[in-house]
Amino acid sequence: MAFAFNEDAPLYAVGQVAEMLGVQPAFLRRLDVEKVVQPARSTGQQRRYTRAEIAQVQRVSEMAAAGMSLPGIRRILELEVVIADLRRQLDELRPRSTVDDDERPTKAIKDA
């Protein structure tokens, strides 16, 4: 019998995640306090991470190691969500066409 794995199931405790990623448990708690990665809580109020959150913690850890501040990282993550939502909205509004994406003219985006 094969089991379907739920990527969004909050299964992993702070100690497990810290060991998997080679970070300190205090770093994970700080990410929660700073609202960068906020895992679910068990009935005993212990943090429980999903696989998706673990991947996000790994990315945040890399960004922090590159010298970025946690508020800066949080803002980047927030903006990425906004961008993804806007792209979904654009996809819904775009008329379906037979023109291949490679054949469409593109405009250069100027830095603001």
C-alpha atoms as a PDB file:
ATOM      1  CA  MET A   1       0.000   0.000   0.000  1.00  0.00           C
ATOM      2  CA  ALA A   2       1.425   3.387  -1.009  1.00  0.00           C
ATOM      3  CA  PHE A   3       0.887   6.424   1.166  1.00  0.00           C
ATOM      4  CA  ALA A   4       0.385   9.868  -0.310  1.00  0.00           C
ATOM      5  CA  PHE A   5       2.679  12.366   1.365  1.00  0.00           C
ATOM      6  CA  ASN A   6       1.153  15.694   2.287  1.00  0.00           C
ATOM      7  CA  GLU A   7       3.704  18.489   1.740  1.00  0.00           C
ATOM      8  CA  ASP A   8       1.650  20.743   4.020  1.00  0.00           C
ATOM      9  CA  ALA A   9       1.383  18.404   7.007  1.00  0.00           C
ATOM     10  CA  PRO A  10       3.011  19.983  10.085  1.00  0.00           C
ATOM     11  CA  LEU A  11       5.083  17.019  11.216  1.00  0.00           C
ATOM     12  CA  TYR A  12       8.556  18.216  12.170  1.00  0.00           C
ATOM     13  CA  ALA A  13       9.596  19.643  15.544  1.00  0.00           C
ATOM     14  CA  VAL A  14      12.136  22.437  16.047  1.00  0.00           C
ATOM     15  CA  GLY A  15      14.932  20.032  17.005  1.00  0.00           C
ATOM     16  CA  GLN A  16      14.365  17.867  13.958  1.00  0.00           C
ATOM     17  CA  VAL A  17      14.372  20.839  11.575  1.00  0.00           C
ATOM     18  CA  ALA A  18      17.449  22.349  13.233  1.00  0.00           C
ATOM     19  CA  GLU A  19      19.320  19.065  12.824  1.00  0.00           C
ATOM     20  CA  MET A  20      18.186  18.608   9.199  1.00  0.00           C
ATOM     21  CA  LEU A  21      19.325  22.101   8.195  1.00  0.00           C
ATOM     22  CA  GLY A  22      22.316  22.521  10.471  1.00  0.00           C
ATOM     23  CA  VAL A  23      20.906  25.602  12.202  1.00  0.00           C
ATOM     24  CA  GLN A  24      20.358  26.412  15.844  1.00  0.00           C
ATOM     25  CA  PRO A  25      16.878  25.938  17.351  1.00  0.00           C
ATOM     26  CA  ALA A  26      17.090  29.565  18.519  1.00  0.00           C
ATOM     27  CA  PHE A  27      17.331  30.635  14.861  1.00  0.00           C
ATOM     28  CA  LEU A  28      14.067  28.823  14.091  1.00  0.00           C
ATOM     29  CA  ARG A  29      12.338  30.406  17.082  1.00  0.00           C
ATOM     30  CA  ARG A  30      13.585  33.834  15.997  1.00  0.00           C
ATOM     31  CA  LEU A  31      12.187  33.313  12.488  1.00  0.00           C
ATOM     32  CA  ASP A  32       8.817  32.681  14.102  1.00  0.00           C
ATOM     33  CA  VAL A  33       9.017  35.725  16.417  1.00  0.00           C
ATOM     34  CA  GLU A  34      10.139  37.946  13.509  1.00  0.00           C
ATOM     35  CA  LYS A  35       7.248  36.569  11.396  1.00  0.00           C
ATOM     36  CA  VAL A  36       9.543  35.284   8.665  1.00  0.00           C
ATOM     37  CA  VAL A  37       8.508  31.608   8.876  1.00  0.00           C
ATOM     38  CA  GLN A  38       5.630  30.881  11.227  1.00  0.00           C
ATOM     39  CA  PRO A  39       4.967  27.166  11.648  1.00  0.00           C
ATOM     40  CA  ALA A  40       1.779  25.656  13.008  1.00  0.00           C
ATOM     41  CA  ARG A  41       1.542  24.787  16.693  1.00  0.00           C
ATOM     42  CA  SER A  42       0.709  21.416  18.182  1.00  0.00           C
ATOM     43  CA  THR A  43      -1.922  21.081  20.897  1.00  0.00           C
ATOM     44  CA  GLY A  44       0.945  21.478  23.375  1.00  0.00           C
ATOM     45  CA  GLN A  45       1.953  24.752  21.608  1.00  0.00           C
ATOM     46  CA  GLN A  46       5.139  23.265  20.156  1.00  0.00           C
ATOM     47  CA  ARG A  47       6.165  24.489  16.715  1.00  0.00           C
ATOM     48  CA  ARG A  48       5.567  21.969  13.917  1.00  0.00           C
ATOM     49  CA  TYR A  49       7.030  22.518  10.450  1.00  0.00           C
ATOM     50  CA  THR A  50       5.810  21.313   7.081  1.00  0.00           C
ATOM     51  CA  ARG A  51       8.201  20.231   4.342  1.00  0.00           C
ATOM     52  CA  ALA A  52       7.411  23.462   2.481  1.00  0.00           C
ATOM     53  CA  GLU A  53       8.301  25.509   5.586  1.00  0.00           C
ATOM     54  CA  ILE A  54      11.535  23.557   5.988  1.00  0.00           C
ATOM     55  CA  ALA A  55      12.479  24.479   2.412  1.00  0.00           C
ATOM     56  CA  GLN A  56      11.608  28.096   3.153  1.00  0.00           C
ATOM     57  CA  VAL A  57      13.733  28.056   6.337  1.00  0.00           C
ATOM     58  CA  GLN A  58      16.645  26.714   4.301  1.00  0.00           C
ATOM     59  CA  ARG A  59      16.251  29.542   1.796  1.00  0.00           C
ATOM     60  CA  VAL A  60      15.960  32.134   4.575  1.00  0.00           C
ATOM     61  CA  SER A  61      19.072  30.707   6.221  1.00  0.00           C
ATOM     62  CA  GLU A  62      21.003  31.131   2.967  1.00  0.00           C
ATOM     63  CA  MET A  63      19.756  34.708   2.583  1.00  0.00           C
ATOM     64  CA  ALA A  64      20.718  35.525   6.184  1.00  0.00           C
ATOM     65  CA  ALA A  65      24.155  33.992   5.632  1.00  0.00           C
ATOM     66  CA  ALA A  66      24.530  36.334   2.651  1.00  0.00           C
ATOM     67  CA  GLY A  67      24.060  39.272   5.020  1.00  0.00           C
ATOM     68  CA  MET A  68      20.381  40.068   4.616  1.00  0.00           C
ATOM     69  CA  SER A  69      18.366  41.165   7.658  1.00  0.00           C
ATOM     70  CA  LEU A  70      15.308  39.212   8.780  1.00  0.00           C
ATOM     71  CA  PRO A  71      12.954  42.166   8.159  1.00  0.00           C
ATOM     72  CA  GLY A  72      14.410  42.443   4.641  1.00  0.00           C
ATOM     73  CA  ILE A  73      13.995  38.731   4.036  1.00  0.00           C
ATOM     74  CA  ARG A  74      10.406  38.854   5.345  1.00  0.00           C
ATOM     75  CA  ARG A  75       9.612  41.690   2.921  1.00  0.00           C
ATOM     76  CA  ILE A  76      11.112  39.780  -0.018  1.00  0.00           C
ATOM     77  CA  LEU A  77       8.993  36.741   0.834  1.00  0.00           C
ATOM     78  CA  GLU A  78       5.865  38.914   1.133  1.00  0.00           C
ATOM     79  CA  LEU A  79       6.527  40.522  -2.232  1.00  0.00           C
ATOM     80  CA  GLU A  80       7.099  37.138  -3.866  1.00  0.00           C
ATOM     81  CA  VAL A  81       3.607  36.111  -2.719  1.00  0.00           C
ATOM     82  CA  VAL A  82       2.143  39.318  -4.168  1.00  0.00           C
ATOM     83  CA  ILE A  83       3.957  38.765  -7.474  1.00  0.00           C
ATOM     84  CA  ALA A  84       2.751  35.166  -7.697  1.00  0.00           C
ATOM     85  CA  ASP A  85      -0.818  36.318  -7.050  1.00  0.00           C
ATOM     86  CA  LEU A  86      -0.570  39.023  -9.717  1.00  0.00           C
ATOM     87  CA  ARG A  87       0.790  36.505 -12.212  1.00  0.00           C
ATOM     88  CA  ARG A  88      -2.157  34.188 -11.481  1.00  0.00           C
ATOM     89  CA  GLN A  89      -4.543  37.088 -12.029  1.00  0.00           C
ATOM     90  CA  LEU A  90      -2.858  37.996 -15.318  1.00  0.00           C
ATOM     91  CA  ASP A  91      -3.040  34.410 -16.502  1.00  0.00           C
ATOM     92  CA  GLU A  92      -6.768  34.364 -15.754  1.00  0.00           C
ATOM     93  CA  LEU A  93      -7.337  37.644 -17.621  1.00  0.00           C
ATOM     94  CA  ARG A  94      -5.213  36.874 -20.669  1.00  0.00           C
ATOM     95  CA  PRO A  95      -7.170  35.624 -23.618  1.00  0.00           C
ATOM     96  CA  ARG A  96      -6.097  32.202 -24.717  1.00  0.00           C
ATOM     97  CA  SER A  97      -4.300  32.462 -27.997  1.00  0.00           C
ATOM     98  CA  THR A  98      -2.650  30.154 -30.454  1.00  0.00           C
ATOM     99  CA  VAL A  99       0.436  32.359 -30.624  1.00  0.00           C
ATOM    100  CA  ASP A 100       3.387  30.649 -29.016  1.00  0.00           C
ATOM    101  CA  ASP A 101       4.961  32.561 -26.095  1.00  0.00           C
ATOM    102  CA  ASP A 102       8.262  32.634 -27.994  1.00  0.00           C
ATOM    103  CA  GLU A 103       6.601  34.488 -30.864  1.00  0.00           C
ATOM    104  CA  ARG A 104       5.104  37.272 -28.734  1.00  0.00           C
ATOM    105  CA  PRO A 105       6.906  40.599 -28.708  1.00  0.00           C
ATOM    106  CA  THR A 106       8.460  41.467 -25.356  1.00  0.00           C
ATOM    107  CA  LYS A 107       9.090  44.838 -23.796  1.00  0.00           C
ATOM    108  CA  ALA A 108      12.207  45.618 -21.856  1.00  0.00           C
ATOM    109  CA  ILE A 109      11.524  46.451 -18.242  1.00  0.00           C
ATOM    110  CA  LYS A 110      13.324  49.564 -17.118  1.00  0.00           C
ATOM    111  CA  ASP A 111      14.756  49.766 -13.617  1.00  0.00           C
ATOM    112  CA  ALA A 112      12.769  52.148 -11.451  1.00  0.00           C
END
